[in-house]
């Protein structure tokens, strides 16, 4: 995603910037089931965008707004702390008549259900990993 940063900031820029912020925060929250808390504005255009937000007194209560130098003109949305993701391969979910994309026609008998579950379920272990999800918006001069 890109946002154009004009020299003269107008209502269109305000709308585009706010849409980019809300869309990226929402997508990260949906993907990770947790609201990101940090927005990092980098580069000269990032500094301009953050200055615009402060001048307009937009209230991003609960968010940390940071400014970084550098040459990359970006807004980066991230979490303060790394997230722990757990994958439980022993968990089998039946959704809308399918099992991991395989269609189940009719009503399976006991032996069929047992075979299905045993072939997809591996009990007694979980896989955990630490991730640092983020999203970036490029800022360009119009």
Protein backbone atom coordinates (compact mmCIF):
# COMPACT_ATOMS: atom_id res chain seq x y z
CA UNK A 1 0.00 0.00 0.00
CA UNK A 2 1.16 3.54 -0.79
CA UNK A 3 0.10 6.95 0.40
CA UNK A 4 1.01 10.10 -1.50
CA UNK A 5 2.26 12.91 0.72
CA UNK A 6 1.73 16.27 -1.02
CA UNK A 7 3.67 19.38 -0.10
CA UNK A 8 0.39 21.13 0.68
CA UNK A 9 -1.58 18.78 2.93
CA UNK A 10 -5.29 18.82 2.11
CA UNK A 11 -8.42 16.91 3.11
CA UNK A 12 -7.72 14.22 0.52
CA UNK A 13 -4.34 13.50 2.13
CA UNK A 14 -6.02 13.38 5.55
CA UNK A 15 -8.57 10.86 4.25
CA UNK A 16 -5.92 8.70 2.51
CA UNK A 17 -3.65 8.70 5.56
CA UNK A 18 -6.45 7.83 7.97
CA UNK A 19 -7.72 5.04 5.69
CA UNK A 20 -4.22 3.55 5.40
CA UNK A 21 -3.76 3.63 9.17
CA UNK A 22 -7.16 2.14 9.98
CA UNK A 23 -6.92 -0.56 7.28
CA UNK A 24 -3.48 -1.76 8.39
CA UNK A 25 -4.34 -1.72 12.10
CA UNK A 26 -7.55 -3.65 11.40
CA UNK A 27 -5.83 -6.26 9.20
CA UNK A 28 -3.06 -6.89 11.75
CA UNK A 29 -5.65 -7.17 14.53
CA UNK A 30 -7.72 -9.66 12.53
CA UNK A 31 -4.72 -11.78 11.54
CA UNK A 32 -3.26 -11.96 15.05
CA UNK A 33 -6.35 -11.51 17.24
CA UNK A 34 -4.59 -8.67 19.03
CA UNK A 35 -4.47 -4.93 18.38
CA UNK A 36 -1.05 -3.59 17.37
CA UNK A 37 0.10 -0.74 19.58
CA UNK A 38 2.96 0.89 17.71
CA UNK A 39 3.20 3.10 14.61
CA UNK A 40 6.69 4.01 13.46
CA UNK A 41 7.02 6.90 10.99
CA UNK A 42 10.38 6.83 9.20
CA UNK A 43 12.13 9.00 6.66
CA UNK A 44 11.42 12.62 5.79
CA UNK A 45 7.90 11.87 4.54
CA UNK A 46 7.16 9.84 7.65
CA UNK A 47 8.19 12.82 9.75
CA UNK A 48 5.84 15.03 7.70
CA UNK A 49 2.95 12.59 8.14
CA UNK A 50 3.51 12.39 11.91
CA UNK A 51 3.74 16.19 12.06
CA UNK A 52 0.40 16.40 10.21
CA UNK A 53 -1.20 13.98 12.69
CA UNK A 54 0.06 16.02 15.64
CA UNK A 55 -0.94 19.34 14.06
CA UNK A 56 -4.48 18.05 13.46
CA UNK A 57 -4.52 16.64 17.02
CA UNK A 58 -5.68 13.22 15.93
CA UNK A 59 -6.14 11.09 19.02
CA UNK A 60 -4.50 7.68 18.75
CA UNK A 61 -4.87 6.94 22.46
CA UNK A 62 -3.33 3.61 23.36
CA UNK A 63 -0.90 3.73 20.42
CA UNK A 64 2.75 4.61 20.56
CA UNK A 65 3.67 7.00 17.74
CA UNK A 66 7.41 6.98 17.01
CA UNK A 67 9.56 8.87 14.55
CA UNK A 68 12.74 7.42 13.07
CA UNK A 69 15.25 8.98 10.73
CA UNK A 70 16.63 7.22 7.71
CA UNK A 71 15.86 7.36 4.03
CA UNK A 72 12.99 4.85 3.83
CA UNK A 73 9.68 6.74 3.81
CA UNK A 74 7.38 4.35 5.64
CA UNK A 75 4.75 3.93 8.29
CA UNK A 76 5.30 0.60 10.06
CA UNK A 77 2.56 -0.93 12.20
CA UNK A 78 3.81 -3.41 14.78
CA UNK A 79 3.39 -4.89 18.23
CA UNK A 80 5.36 -3.77 21.28
CA UNK A 81 6.22 -7.35 22.21
CA UNK A 82 6.68 -10.46 20.05
CA UNK A 83 3.59 -12.69 19.83
CA UNK A 84 3.52 -16.40 20.61
CA UNK A 85 1.67 -18.49 18.05
CA UNK A 86 0.54 -21.99 19.01
CA UNK A 87 -0.24 -24.63 16.42
CA UNK A 88 -2.04 -27.65 17.85
CA UNK A 89 -1.86 -30.41 15.22
CA UNK A 90 -3.98 -32.66 17.46
CA UNK A 91 -6.94 -30.35 17.06
CA UNK A 92 -9.30 -31.51 14.31
CA UNK A 93 -11.96 -29.11 13.10
CA UNK A 94 -14.91 -30.05 10.94
CA UNK A 95 -16.18 -27.00 9.05
CA UNK A 96 -19.03 -26.85 6.56
CA UNK A 97 -18.82 -30.49 5.53
CA UNK A 98 -15.09 -30.61 4.90
CA UNK A 99 -11.99 -31.75 6.74
CA UNK A 100 -8.90 -29.77 5.72
CA UNK A 101 -10.45 -29.07 2.33
CA UNK A 102 -11.61 -32.66 1.71
CA UNK A 103 -15.35 -32.96 1.11
CA UNK A 104 -17.29 -35.45 3.23
CA UNK A 105 -20.27 -36.81 1.32
CA UNK A 106 -22.95 -38.49 3.38
CA UNK A 107 -22.65 -39.53 7.00
CA UNK A 108 -19.38 -41.35 7.77
CA UNK A 109 -19.53 -44.47 9.92
CA UNK A 110 -17.50 -45.04 13.10
CA UNK A 111 -14.55 -46.68 11.35
CA UNK A 112 -14.39 -43.92 8.71
CA UNK A 113 -14.47 -41.20 11.37
CA UNK A 114 -11.73 -43.01 13.31
CA UNK A 115 -9.55 -43.27 10.18
CA UNK A 116 -10.10 -39.60 9.32
CA UNK A 117 -9.25 -38.38 12.80
CA UNK A 118 -6.25 -40.67 13.22
CA UNK A 119 -4.80 -39.62 9.87
CA UNK A 120 -5.09 -35.88 10.67
CA UNK A 121 -4.60 -35.85 14.43
CA UNK A 122 -1.25 -36.15 16.17
CA UNK A 123 -1.92 -36.00 19.88
CA UNK A 124 0.41 -35.00 22.71
CA UNK A 125 2.32 -32.07 21.26
CA UNK A 126 1.90 -28.42 20.29
CA UNK A 127 4.13 -26.23 18.19
CA UNK A 128 4.84 -22.75 19.58
CA UNK A 129 6.82 -20.02 17.89
CA UNK A 130 7.50 -16.35 18.45
CA UNK A 131 6.56 -13.99 15.64
CA UNK A 132 6.90 -10.24 15.09
CA UNK A 133 4.13 -9.42 12.61
CA UNK A 134 4.09 -5.99 11.03
CA UNK A 135 2.67 -4.09 8.09
CA UNK A 136 4.24 -1.27 6.11
CA UNK A 137 2.84 1.62 4.13
CA UNK A 138 5.14 3.34 1.64
CA UNK A 139 5.01 7.11 1.54
CA UNK A 140 5.70 8.86 -1.77
CA UNK A 141 5.78 12.50 -2.83
CA UNK A 142 2.95 13.48 -5.11
